[in-house]
Amino acid sequence: MNKFLVMITNKDVEKLKETFATKEDLKRFATKEDLKRFATKEEMKNSAEEVKRHFDVVAEDIKSEFRLVAEQLSSNNDKLSGHDQRINDLDEEVSTLDIRMTAVEGKIR
């Protein structure tokens, strides 16, 4: 199984929606028209720094969410490997019992 294949569930999508900014969230940031009206370079610099800080926080949140998804996927892969081994062991036991049952049936006839 490819350990880099990640299946994202609806729950994961909902978590990511909470992380991304909405139109309402972005209203507090300057638009192109606002930028044209800035009186000084200092105001532009302050606004750019605020936007950078905001996106740094958002990026860190996204990284954290993906880390959690990757950890969960790894845990699920470990569990599946254990289940695969148990299924293989049970298959071997069933095969052994089938052979023994055939032998018993042969003796009864």
Protein backbone atom coordinates (compact mmCIF):
# COMPACT_ATOMS: atom_id res chain seq x y z
CA MET A 1 0.00 0.00 0.00
CA ASN A 2 1.33 3.43 -0.93
CA LYS A 3 1.90 5.23 2.36
CA PHE A 4 1.69 8.63 0.65
CA LEU A 5 -1.84 8.08 -0.64
CA VAL A 6 -4.12 10.10 1.62
CA MET A 7 -7.88 9.79 1.56
CA ILE A 8 -9.47 12.97 2.84
CA THR A 9 -12.88 12.51 4.45
CA ASN A 10 -15.75 14.98 4.66
CA LYS A 11 -14.74 15.55 8.28
CA ASP A 12 -11.24 16.57 7.12
CA VAL A 13 -12.74 18.94 4.54
CA GLU A 14 -14.93 20.53 7.21
CA LYS A 15 -11.86 21.05 9.43
CA LEU A 16 -10.00 22.67 6.54
CA LYS A 17 -12.97 24.95 5.83
CA GLU A 18 -12.68 26.19 9.41
CA THR A 19 -9.00 26.96 8.79
CA PHE A 20 -9.34 28.93 5.54
CA ALA A 21 -10.43 32.55 5.56
CA THR A 22 -13.95 33.44 4.45
CA LYS A 23 -14.98 36.54 2.52
CA GLU A 24 -16.13 37.95 5.85
CA ASP A 25 -12.69 37.32 7.38
CA LEU A 26 -11.00 39.12 4.48
CA LYS A 27 -13.16 42.25 4.74
CA ARG A 28 -10.82 43.72 7.34
CA PHE A 29 -7.92 43.66 4.85
CA ALA A 30 -7.26 46.31 2.28
CA THR A 31 -8.69 46.05 -1.23
CA LYS A 32 -6.98 47.38 -4.37
CA GLU A 33 -9.01 50.57 -4.02
CA ASP A 34 -7.90 50.94 -0.38
CA LEU A 35 -4.26 50.50 -1.39
CA LYS A 36 -4.57 53.28 -3.95
CA ARG A 37 -5.78 55.63 -1.20
CA PHE A 38 -3.02 54.92 1.34
CA ALA A 39 -1.42 58.18 2.39
CA THR A 40 2.00 56.79 3.22
CA LYS A 41 4.34 53.93 2.52
CA GLU A 42 4.32 53.25 6.25
CA GLU A 43 0.60 52.39 6.18
CA MET A 44 1.22 50.03 3.26
CA LYS A 45 4.12 48.42 5.10
CA ASN A 46 2.01 47.92 8.26
CA SER A 47 -0.85 46.44 6.25
CA ALA A 48 1.50 44.07 4.41
CA GLU A 49 3.03 42.93 7.70
CA GLU A 50 -0.44 42.26 9.14
CA VAL A 51 -1.39 40.21 6.08
CA LYS A 52 1.87 38.27 6.29
CA ARG A 53 1.30 37.50 9.97
CA HIS A 54 -2.24 36.35 9.23
CA PHE A 55 -1.15 34.05 6.42
CA ASP A 56 1.72 32.69 8.51
CA VAL A 57 -0.84 31.69 11.15
CA VAL A 58 -3.14 30.17 8.52
CA ALA A 59 -0.24 28.26 6.94
CA GLU A 60 0.80 26.89 10.33
CA ASP A 61 -2.79 25.80 11.02
CA ILE A 62 -2.91 23.98 7.68
CA LYS A 63 0.42 22.28 8.37
CA SER A 64 -0.89 21.18 11.75
CA GLU A 65 -4.08 19.77 10.23
CA PHE A 66 -2.12 17.84 7.59
CA ARG A 67 0.21 16.53 10.29
CA LEU A 68 -2.81 15.19 12.17
CA VAL A 69 -4.19 13.58 9.00
CA ALA A 70 -0.80 11.97 8.29
CA GLU A 71 -0.53 10.65 11.85
CA GLN A 72 -4.03 9.21 11.65
CA LEU A 73 -3.27 7.61 8.30
CA SER A 74 -0.10 6.05 9.69
CA SER A 75 -2.01 4.69 12.67
CA ASN A 76 -4.68 3.25 10.37
CA ASN A 77 -2.01 1.64 8.18
CA ASP A 78 -0.47 -0.01 11.24
CA LYS A 79 -3.88 -1.34 12.31
CA LEU A 80 -4.59 -2.63 8.80
CA SER A 81 -1.23 -4.42 8.70
CA GLY A 82 -2.12 -6.13 11.97
CA HIS A 83 -5.51 -7.13 10.59
CA ASP A 84 -3.89 -8.47 7.41
CA GLN A 85 -1.59 -10.66 9.50
CA ARG A 86 -4.49 -11.96 11.60
CA ILE A 87 -6.49 -12.77 8.44
CA ASN A 88 -3.50 -14.63 6.96
CA ASP A 89 -3.09 -16.59 10.20
CA LEU A 90 -6.80 -17.47 10.21
CA ASP A 91 -6.61 -18.55 6.57
CA GLU A 92 -3.78 -20.93 7.46
CA GLU A 93 -5.74 -22.31 10.41
CA VAL A 94 -8.84 -22.85 8.25
CA SER A 95 -6.74 -24.63 5.63
CA THR A 96 -5.25 -26.89 8.30
CA LEU A 97 -8.71 -27.64 9.73
CA ASP A 98 -10.02 -28.36 6.23
CA ILE A 99 -7.23 -30.90 5.66
CA ARG A 100 -7.89 -32.52 9.03
CA MET A 101 -11.65 -32.61 8.39
CA THR A 102 -11.10 -34.26 5.01
CA ALA A 103 -8.91 -36.88 6.69
CA VAL A 104 -11.56 -37.54 9.36
CA GLU A 105 -14.29 -37.84 6.71
CA GLY A 106 -12.11 -40.34 4.82
CA LYS A 107 -11.75 -42.50 7.94
CA ILE A 108 -15.49 -42.40 8.67
CA ARG A 109 -16.44 -43.61 5.19
